[in-house]
Amino acid sequence: MPLLKLHAVTRRFGERIALAGVDLDVEPGEFVSLLGASGCGKSTVLRLLSGLDSPTAGTMVRDLPPDAIPGYVFQDAALMPWASVRRNVELPLMLRGERPAAMRGRVDAALRAVGLADSADAVPRELSGGMRMRASLARALVTSPRLWLLDEPFGALDEITRFALNQTLLSLCKPHDGSPPATAVFVTHSVYEAVFLSERVVVMARPGRVVEEVAIDVPYPRDASFRATPEFAALCARVSEALQRASVAEAGA
């Protein structure tokens, strides 16, 4: 039974078609990337899967417990500029009415997991872009999400920082301690990022449709050495070719 399922889903905004008959299944514990040009409907799919939006037509299934909170991470870290990193990370727990004493251990653990234990009292303007994004990841992590929804979270970062945060994200979604993997749906424009992170890359094209899927049959854990392998290069070439076919499909639509 898929954890998330879209079947023949259409989403319109007035006369504009954002999605046109999208079919997508995401299995529990799977890491799926949505790849495609701007305006092809990737973020719209993510909003539907999060429950923040509903289809105009078609069916959607979210097989989640009623109290489950997805870890939603945006392209902008969206931190409260006046609050410390700790206060920003506490926010989801505060909104759930948890007591400060009960939150501290979970917040400390989340900050350690993303490498921000020494920056808990800093405010966002004192942090680099990569550190702000780490704080955003910690804010999602603190609720112990079984589902991560990530909308181009590393798109504005330099390549070195981006690679480091890719590794951090995999450590959160694919833990090495025997814990079950989390499910993740990740929106990106980067072929290299999609291949490094994912078990499956879903290539989309305008107007809002899935045109191809590429399986990334490489076991986890993955580290920087994977990027230097012929297998990684071959998979990137396959995904790039699929993206090119999507571009041709758009031109003929």
C-alpha atoms as a PDB file:
ATOM      1  CA  MET A   1       0.000   0.000   0.000  1.00  0.00           C
ATOM      2  CA  PRO A   2       1.632   3.306  -1.031  1.00  0.00           C
ATOM      3  CA  LEU A   3       2.030   5.888   1.708  1.00  0.00           C
ATOM      4  CA  LEU A   4       1.157   8.610  -0.811  1.00  0.00           C
ATOM      5  CA  LYS A   5      -0.829   8.189  -3.999  1.00  0.00           C
ATOM      6  CA  LEU A   6      -2.015  10.534  -6.721  1.00  0.00           C
ATOM      7  CA  HIS A   7      -4.222   9.064  -9.440  1.00  0.00           C
ATOM      8  CA  ALA A   8      -5.247  11.076 -12.506  1.00  0.00           C
ATOM      9  CA  VAL A   9      -4.838  14.261 -10.464  1.00  0.00           C
ATOM     10  CA  THR A  10      -5.572  17.590 -12.095  1.00  0.00           C
ATOM     11  CA  ARG A  11      -5.090  20.952 -10.410  1.00  0.00           C
ATOM     12  CA  ARG A  12      -6.333  24.147 -11.998  1.00  0.00           C
ATOM     13  CA  PHE A  13      -5.933  27.727 -10.849  1.00  0.00           C
ATOM     14  CA  GLY A  14      -8.581  29.483 -12.864  1.00  0.00           C
ATOM     15  CA  GLU A  15      -7.702  28.858 -16.512  1.00  0.00           C
ATOM     16  CA  ARG A  16      -4.141  27.787 -15.713  1.00  0.00           C
ATOM     17  CA  ILE A  17      -3.459  24.055 -15.588  1.00  0.00           C
ATOM     18  CA  ALA A  18      -0.858  23.309 -12.926  1.00  0.00           C
ATOM     19  CA  LEU A  19      -1.266  19.516 -13.067  1.00  0.00           C
ATOM     20  CA  ALA A  20      -2.820  17.460 -15.839  1.00  0.00           C
ATOM     21  CA  GLY A  21      -3.643  13.873 -14.915  1.00  0.00           C
ATOM     22  CA  VAL A  22      -0.677  13.082 -12.658  1.00  0.00           C
ATOM     23  CA  ASP A  23      -0.171   9.523 -11.395  1.00  0.00           C
ATOM     24  CA  LEU A  24       2.361   9.074  -8.598  1.00  0.00           C
ATOM     25  CA  ASP A  25       2.873   6.452  -5.881  1.00  0.00           C
ATOM     26  CA  VAL A  26       5.375   6.851  -3.037  1.00  0.00           C
ATOM     27  CA  GLU A  27       6.122   3.799  -0.912  1.00  0.00           C
ATOM     28  CA  PRO A  28       6.874   3.970   2.837  1.00  0.00           C
ATOM     29  CA  GLY A  29      10.552   4.711   3.410  1.00  0.00           C
ATOM     30  CA  GLU A  30      11.187   5.669  -0.221  1.00  0.00           C
ATOM     31  CA  PHE A  31      13.189   8.749  -1.290  1.00  0.00           C
ATOM     32  CA  VAL A  32      11.697  10.225  -4.467  1.00  0.00           C
ATOM     33  CA  SER A  33      12.870  13.351  -6.290  1.00  0.00           C
ATOM     34  CA  LEU A  34      10.693  15.429  -8.609  1.00  0.00           C
ATOM     35  CA  LEU A  35      12.784  16.942 -11.390  1.00  0.00           C
ATOM     36  CA  GLY A  36      11.793  19.303 -14.192  1.00  0.00           C
ATOM     37  CA  ALA A  37      11.750  22.838 -15.508  1.00  0.00           C
ATOM     38  CA  SER A  38      10.178  25.705 -13.585  1.00  0.00           C
ATOM     39  CA  GLY A  39       6.398  25.700 -13.854  1.00  0.00           C
ATOM     40  CA  CYS A  40       6.022  21.966 -14.517  1.00  0.00           C
ATOM     41  CA  GLY A  41       4.026  21.369 -11.318  1.00  0.00           C
ATOM     42  CA  LYS A  42       6.641  19.995  -8.907  1.00  0.00           C
ATOM     43  CA  SER A  43       5.771  22.330  -6.042  1.00  0.00           C
ATOM     44  CA  THR A  44       2.056  21.850  -6.680  1.00  0.00           C
ATOM     45  CA  VAL A  45       2.508  18.098  -6.217  1.00  0.00           C
ATOM     46  CA  LEU A  46       4.336  18.774  -2.951  1.00  0.00           C
ATOM     47  CA  ARG A  47       1.533  21.016  -1.655  1.00  0.00           C
ATOM     48  CA  LEU A  48      -1.032  18.328  -2.453  1.00  0.00           C
ATOM     49  CA  LEU A  49       1.001  15.657  -0.681  1.00  0.00           C
ATOM     50  CA  SER A  50       1.382  17.919   2.344  1.00  0.00           C
ATOM     51  CA  GLY A  51      -2.365  18.404   2.659  1.00  0.00           C
ATOM     52  CA  LEU A  52      -2.058  22.161   2.115  1.00  0.00           C
ATOM     53  CA  ASP A  53      -3.998  21.920  -1.162  1.00  0.00           C
ATOM     54  CA  SER A  54      -6.576  19.654  -2.808  1.00  0.00           C
ATOM     55  CA  PRO A  55      -6.948  18.343  -6.378  1.00  0.00           C
ATOM     56  CA  THR A  56      -9.419  19.874  -8.778  1.00  0.00           C
ATOM     57  CA  ALA A  57     -10.023  16.355 -10.117  1.00  0.00           C
ATOM     58  CA  GLY A  58      -8.659  12.861  -9.535  1.00  0.00           C
ATOM     59  CA  THR A  59      -7.940  11.054  -6.284  1.00  0.00           C
ATOM     60  CA  MET A  60      -5.296  11.502  -3.605  1.00  0.00           C
ATOM     61  CA  VAL A  61      -4.462   9.143  -0.741  1.00  0.00           C
ATOM     62  CA  ARG A  62      -2.266  10.034   2.240  1.00  0.00           C
ATOM     63  CA  ASP A  63      -1.919   6.942   4.437  1.00  0.00           C
ATOM     64  CA  LEU A  64      -0.699   8.884   7.476  1.00  0.00           C
ATOM     65  CA  PRO A  65      -1.845   8.868  11.115  1.00  0.00           C
ATOM     66  CA  PRO A  66      -4.238  11.767  11.840  1.00  0.00           C
ATOM     67  CA  ASP A  67      -1.700  13.465  14.129  1.00  0.00           C
ATOM     68  CA  ALA A  68       1.299  12.999  11.807  1.00  0.00           C
ATOM     69  CA  ILE A  69       3.121  16.231  10.976  1.00  0.00           C
ATOM     70  CA  PRO A  70       5.201  16.128   7.777  1.00  0.00           C
ATOM     71  CA  GLY A  71       8.599  17.781   7.916  1.00  0.00           C
ATOM     72  CA  TYR A  72       8.111  20.541   5.319  1.00  0.00           C
ATOM     73  CA  VAL A  73      11.275  22.395   4.248  1.00  0.00           C
ATOM     74  CA  PHE A  74      11.116  25.305   1.809  1.00  0.00           C
ATOM     75  CA  GLN A  75      13.681  26.929  -0.486  1.00  0.00           C
ATOM     76  CA  ASP A  76      13.808  29.849   1.928  1.00  0.00           C
ATOM     77  CA  ALA A  77      14.721  28.819   5.471  1.00  0.00           C
ATOM     78  CA  ALA A  78      11.765  30.968   6.656  1.00  0.00           C
ATOM     79  CA  LEU A  79      13.182  31.546  10.135  1.00  0.00           C
ATOM     80  CA  MET A  80      11.838  34.147  12.559  1.00  0.00           C
ATOM     81  CA  PRO A  81      14.561  36.833  12.273  1.00  0.00           C
ATOM     82  CA  TRP A  82      14.156  38.117  15.841  1.00  0.00           C
ATOM     83  CA  ALA A  83      14.382  34.682  17.503  1.00  0.00           C
ATOM     84  CA  SER A  84      17.356  32.499  18.319  1.00  0.00           C
ATOM     85  CA  VAL A  85      18.034  29.267  16.484  1.00  0.00           C
ATOM     86  CA  ARG A  86      16.734  27.378  19.522  1.00  0.00           C
ATOM     87  CA  ARG A  87      13.466  29.346  19.542  1.00  0.00           C
ATOM     88  CA  ASN A  88      13.011  28.754  15.822  1.00  0.00           C
ATOM     89  CA  VAL A  89      13.519  25.016  16.230  1.00  0.00           C
ATOM     90  CA  GLU A  90      11.138  24.915  19.206  1.00  0.00           C
ATOM     91  CA  LEU A  91       8.321  26.547  17.233  1.00  0.00           C
ATOM     92  CA  PRO A  92       6.501  23.391  15.989  1.00  0.00           C
ATOM     93  CA  LEU A  93       6.548  21.944  19.522  1.00  0.00           C
ATOM     94  CA  MET A  94       5.282  25.198  21.026  1.00  0.00           C
ATOM     95  CA  LEU A  95       2.407  25.215  18.546  1.00  0.00           C
ATOM     96  CA  ARG A  96       1.512  21.729  19.751  1.00  0.00           C
ATOM     97  CA  GLY A  97       1.364  23.011  23.315  1.00  0.00           C
ATOM     98  CA  GLU A  98       4.373  21.149  24.677  1.00  0.00           C
ATOM     99  CA  ARG A  99       6.033  22.417  27.870  1.00  0.00           C
ATOM    100  CA  PRO A 100       9.480  24.062  27.591  1.00  0.00           C
ATOM    101  CA  ALA A 101      11.082  21.531  29.927  1.00  0.00           C
ATOM    102  CA  ALA A 102       9.840  18.666  27.761  1.00  0.00           C
ATOM    103  CA  MET A 103      11.078  20.302  24.566  1.00  0.00           C
ATOM    104  CA  ARG A 104      14.674  20.949  25.525  1.00  0.00           C
ATOM    105  CA  GLY A 105      16.060  17.468  25.005  1.00  0.00           C
ATOM    106  CA  ARG A 106      14.392  17.067  21.620  1.00  0.00           C
ATOM    107  CA  VAL A 107      15.586  20.479  20.446  1.00  0.00           C
ATOM    108  CA  ASP A 108      19.144  19.760  21.609  1.00  0.00           C
ATOM    109  CA  ALA A 109      19.098  16.428  19.754  1.00  0.00           C
ATOM    110  CA  ALA A 110      17.829  18.063  16.553  1.00  0.00           C
ATOM    111  CA  LEU A 111      20.502  20.768  16.720  1.00  0.00           C
ATOM    112  CA  ARG A 112      23.239  18.182  17.238  1.00  0.00           C
ATOM    113  CA  ALA A 113      21.948  16.139  14.298  1.00  0.00           C
ATOM    114  CA  VAL A 114      22.379  19.072  11.891  1.00  0.00           C
ATOM    115  CA  GLY A 115      25.627  20.384  13.387  1.00  0.00           C
ATOM    116  CA  LEU A 116      24.221  23.494  15.086  1.00  0.00           C
ATOM    117  CA  ALA A 117      24.669  22.621  18.762  1.00  0.00           C
ATOM    118  CA  ASP A 118      27.144  25.507  19.189  1.00  0.00           C
ATOM    119  CA  SER A 119      24.858  28.045  17.462  1.00  0.00           C
ATOM    120  CA  ALA A 120      21.673  27.552  19.470  1.00  0.00           C
ATOM    121  CA  ASP A 121      21.692  31.122  20.802  1.00  0.00           C
ATOM    122  CA  ALA A 122      22.544  32.840  17.506  1.00  0.00           C
ATOM    123  CA  VAL A 123      19.901  34.727  15.532  1.00  0.00           C
ATOM    124  CA  PRO A 124      19.446  34.128  11.782  1.00  0.00           C
ATOM    125  CA  ARG A 125      21.345  37.244  10.643  1.00  0.00           C
ATOM    126  CA  GLU A 126      24.457  35.841  12.360  1.00  0.00           C
ATOM    127  CA  LEU A 127      24.318  32.618  10.331  1.00  0.00           C
ATOM    128  CA  SER A 128      25.479  31.709   6.842  1.00  0.00           C
ATOM    129  CA  GLY A 129      22.934  30.543   4.276  1.00  0.00           C
ATOM    130  CA  GLY A 130      23.909  26.938   4.878  1.00  0.00           C
ATOM    131  CA  MET A 131      23.547  27.297   8.639  1.00  0.00           C
ATOM    132  CA  ARG A 132      20.106  28.868   8.234  1.00  0.00           C
ATOM    133  CA  MET A 133      19.056  25.899   6.130  1.00  0.00           C
ATOM    134  CA  ARG A 134      20.419  23.541   8.782  1.00  0.00           C
ATOM    135  CA  ALA A 135      18.210  25.354  11.296  1.00  0.00           C
ATOM    136  CA  SER A 136      15.245  24.829   8.988  1.00  0.00           C
ATOM    137  CA  LEU A 137      16.049  21.108   8.804  1.00  0.00           C
ATOM    138  CA  ALA A 138      16.298  20.952  12.600  1.00  0.00           C
ATOM    139  CA  ARG A 139      12.909  22.657  12.933  1.00  0.00           C
ATOM    140  CA  ALA A 140      11.392  19.922  10.763  1.00  0.00           C
ATOM    141  CA  LEU A 141      13.362  17.154  12.471  1.00  0.00           C
ATOM    142  CA  VAL A 142      12.251  18.093  15.990  1.00  0.00           C
ATOM    143  CA  THR A 143       8.760  16.678  15.349  1.00  0.00           C
ATOM    144  CA  SER A 144      10.286  13.283  14.384  1.00  0.00           C
ATOM    145  CA  PRO A 145       8.591  13.266  10.965  1.00  0.00           C
ATOM    146  CA  ARG A 146       8.097  10.003   9.108  1.00  0.00           C
ATOM    147  CA  LEU A 147       7.447  12.055   5.960  1.00  0.00           C
ATOM    148  CA  TRP A 148       9.749  14.772   4.625  1.00  0.00           C
ATOM    149  CA  LEU A 149       8.550  17.172   1.913  1.00  0.00           C
ATOM    150  CA  LEU A 150      11.349  19.381   0.606  1.00  0.00           C
ATOM    151  CA  ASP A 151      10.844  22.127  -1.972  1.00  0.00           C
ATOM    152  CA  GLU A 152      14.257  23.015  -3.451  1.00  0.00           C
ATOM    153  CA  PRO A 153      15.740  23.574   0.003  1.00  0.00           C
ATOM    154  CA  PHE A 154      19.350  23.819  -1.197  1.00  0.00           C
ATOM    155  CA  GLY A 155      18.834  25.583  -4.529  1.00  0.00           C
ATOM    156  CA  ALA A 156      20.289  28.936  -3.447  1.00  0.00           C
ATOM    157  CA  LEU A 157      23.411  27.506  -1.781  1.00  0.00           C
ATOM    158  CA  ASP A 158      26.943  27.119  -3.099  1.00  0.00           C
ATOM    159  CA  GLU A 159      27.912  23.657  -4.313  1.00  0.00           C
ATOM    160  CA  ILE A 160      30.141  22.751  -1.347  1.00  0.00           C
ATOM    161  CA  THR A 161      27.423  23.633   1.172  1.00  0.00           C
ATOM    162  CA  ARG A 162      24.808  21.918  -0.958  1.00  0.00           C
ATOM    163  CA  PHE A 163      26.789  18.657  -1.049  1.00  0.00           C
ATOM    164  CA  ALA A 164      27.257  18.781   2.730  1.00  0.00           C
ATOM    165  CA  LEU A 165      23.544  19.307   3.328  1.00  0.00           C
ATOM    166  CA  ASN A 166      22.670  16.513   0.897  1.00  0.00           C
ATOM    167  CA  GLN A 167      24.711  14.243   3.163  1.00  0.00           C
ATOM    168  CA  THR A 168      23.013  15.628   6.278  1.00  0.00           C
ATOM    169  CA  LEU A 169      19.580  15.043   4.773  1.00  0.00           C
ATOM    170  CA  LEU A 170      20.414  11.427   3.922  1.00  0.00           C
ATOM    171  CA  SER A 171      21.600  10.850   7.479  1.00  0.00           C
ATOM    172  CA  LEU A 172      18.199  12.065   8.715  1.00  0.00           C
ATOM    173  CA  CYS A 173      16.067  10.136   6.210  1.00  0.00           C
ATOM    174  CA  LYS A 174      18.213   6.986   5.969  1.00  0.00           C
ATOM    175  CA  PRO A 175      19.612   6.524   9.502  1.00  0.00           C
ATOM    176  CA  HIS A 176      22.401   4.017  10.145  1.00  0.00           C
ATOM    177  CA  ASP A 177      21.252   3.051  13.661  1.00  0.00           C
ATOM    178  CA  GLY A 178      18.631   0.539  12.610  1.00  0.00           C
ATOM    179  CA  SER A 179      15.744   3.022  12.771  1.00  0.00           C
ATOM    180  CA  PRO A 180      13.245   2.724   9.922  1.00  0.00           C
ATOM    181  CA  PRO A 181      13.878   5.118   7.024  1.00  0.00           C
ATOM    182  CA  ALA A 182      11.662   8.131   6.595  1.00  0.00           C
ATOM    183  CA  THR A 183       9.731   8.770   3.399  1.00  0.00           C
ATOM    184  CA  ALA A 184      10.933  11.796   1.426  1.00  0.00           C
ATOM    185  CA  VAL A 185       9.671  13.689  -1.612  1.00  0.00           C
ATOM    186  CA  PHE A 186      12.277  16.188  -2.789  1.00  0.00           C
ATOM    187  CA  VAL A 187      11.832  18.892  -5.437  1.00  0.00           C
ATOM    188  CA  THR A 188      14.976  19.959  -7.277  1.00  0.00           C
ATOM    189  CA  HIS A 189      16.317  21.336 -10.557  1.00  0.00           C
ATOM    190  CA  SER A 190      19.628  19.508 -10.128  1.00  0.00           C
ATOM    191  CA  VAL A 191      20.213  16.190 -11.898  1.00  0.00           C
ATOM    192  CA  TYR A 192      23.262  15.504  -9.704  1.00  0.00           C
ATOM    193  CA  GLU A 193      21.377  16.156  -6.479  1.00  0.00           C
ATOM    194  CA  ALA A 194      18.425  14.011  -7.563  1.00  0.00           C
ATOM    195  CA  VAL A 195      20.657  11.058  -8.443  1.00  0.00           C
ATOM    196  CA  PHE A 196      22.727  11.317  -5.260  1.00  0.00           C
ATOM    197  CA  LEU A 197      19.731  11.417  -2.924  1.00  0.00           C
ATOM    198  CA  SER A 198      17.030   9.333  -4.527  1.00  0.00           C
ATOM    199  CA  GLU A 199      15.834   5.820  -5.090  1.00  0.00           C
ATOM    200  CA  ARG A 200      13.623   7.109  -7.902  1.00  0.00           C
ATOM    201  CA  VAL A 201      13.663  10.285  -9.992  1.00  0.00           C
ATOM    202  CA  VAL A 202      10.306  11.418 -11.410  1.00  0.00           C
ATOM    203  CA  VAL A 203      10.762  13.705 -14.420  1.00  0.00           C
ATOM    204  CA  MET A 204       7.961  16.191 -15.058  1.00  0.00           C
ATOM    205  CA  ALA A 205       7.104  18.481 -17.975  1.00  0.00           C
ATOM    206  CA  ARG A 206       4.668  21.318 -18.623  1.00  0.00           C
ATOM    207  CA  PRO A 207       1.741  21.387 -18.415  1.00  0.00           C
ATOM    208  CA  GLY A 208       1.978  19.492 -15.134  1.00  0.00           C
ATOM    209  CA  ARG A 209       2.519  15.873 -16.081  1.00  0.00           C
ATOM    210  CA  VAL A 210       4.882  12.999 -15.316  1.00  0.00           C
ATOM    211  CA  VAL A 211       6.756  11.952 -18.451  1.00  0.00           C
ATOM    212  CA  GLU A 212       9.355   9.468 -17.174  1.00  0.00           C
ATOM    213  CA  GLU A 213      10.757   7.770 -14.065  1.00  0.00           C
ATOM    214  CA  VAL A 214      14.340   6.618 -13.520  1.00  0.00           C
ATOM    215  CA  ALA A 215      15.220   4.099 -10.806  1.00  0.00           C
ATOM    216  CA  ILE A 216      18.459   4.772  -8.909  1.00  0.00           C
ATOM    217  CA  ASP A 217      19.387   1.220  -7.919  1.00  0.00           C
ATOM    218  CA  VAL A 218      22.301   2.059  -5.647  1.00  0.00           C
ATOM    219  CA  PRO A 219      22.126   0.983  -2.005  1.00  0.00           C
ATOM    220  CA  TYR A 220      22.454   3.344   0.938  1.00  0.00           C
ATOM    221  CA  PRO A 221      24.497   4.584   2.681  1.00  0.00           C
ATOM    222  CA  ARG A 222      25.891   6.890   0.002  1.00  0.00           C
ATOM    223  CA  ASP A 223      28.729   9.318   0.565  1.00  0.00           C
ATOM    224  CA  ALA A 224      30.899  11.678  -1.470  1.00  0.00           C
ATOM    225  CA  SER A 225      32.748   8.772  -3.061  1.00  0.00           C
ATOM    226  CA  PHE A 226      29.554   7.771  -4.912  1.00  0.00           C
ATOM    227  CA  ARG A 227      29.765  10.997  -6.949  1.00  0.00           C
ATOM    228  CA  ALA A 228      33.153   9.909  -8.339  1.00  0.00           C
ATOM    229  CA  THR A 229      31.951   6.530  -9.649  1.00  0.00           C
ATOM    230  CA  PRO A 230      31.186   5.592 -13.262  1.00  0.00           C
ATOM    231  CA  GLU A 231      27.798   4.389 -12.015  1.00  0.00           C
ATOM    232  CA  PHE A 232      26.913   7.880 -10.777  1.00  0.00           C
ATOM    233  CA  ALA A 233      27.999   9.404 -14.085  1.00  0.00           C
ATOM    234  CA  ALA A 234      25.926   6.893 -16.051  1.00  0.00           C
ATOM    235  CA  LEU A 235      22.833   7.512 -13.922  1.00  0.00           C
ATOM    236  CA  CYS A 236      23.225  11.286 -14.277  1.00  0.00           C
ATOM    237  CA  ALA A 237      23.436  10.821 -18.043  1.00  0.00           C
ATOM    238  CA  ARG A 238      20.241   8.719 -18.023  1.00  0.00           C
ATOM    239  CA  VAL A 239      18.369  11.324 -15.983  1.00  0.00           C
ATOM    240  CA  SER A 240      19.709  14.167 -18.170  1.00  0.00           C
ATOM    241  CA  GLU A 241      18.466  12.327 -21.254  1.00  0.00           C
ATOM    242  CA  ALA A 242      15.048  11.896 -19.641  1.00  0.00           C
ATOM    243  CA  LEU A 243      15.005  15.621 -18.871  1.00  0.00           C
ATOM    244  CA  GLN A 244      15.857  16.379 -22.473  1.00  0.00           C
ATOM    245  CA  ARG A 245      12.990  14.160 -23.643  1.00  0.00           C
ATOM    246  CA  ALA A 246      10.712  16.056 -21.266  1.00  0.00           C
ATOM    247  CA  SER A 247      11.819  19.320 -22.887  1.00  0.00           C
ATOM    248  CA  VAL A 248      10.985  17.909 -26.331  1.00  0.00           C
ATOM    249  CA  ALA A 249       7.601  16.750 -25.026  1.00  0.00           C
ATOM    250  CA  GLU A 250       6.895  20.273 -23.756  1.00  0.00           C
ATOM    251  CA  ALA A 251       7.765  21.774 -27.119  1.00  0.00           C
ATOM    252  CA  GLY A 252       5.331  19.449 -28.848  1.00  0.00           C
ATOM    253  CA  ALA A 253       2.520  19.947 -26.343  1.00  0.00           C
END
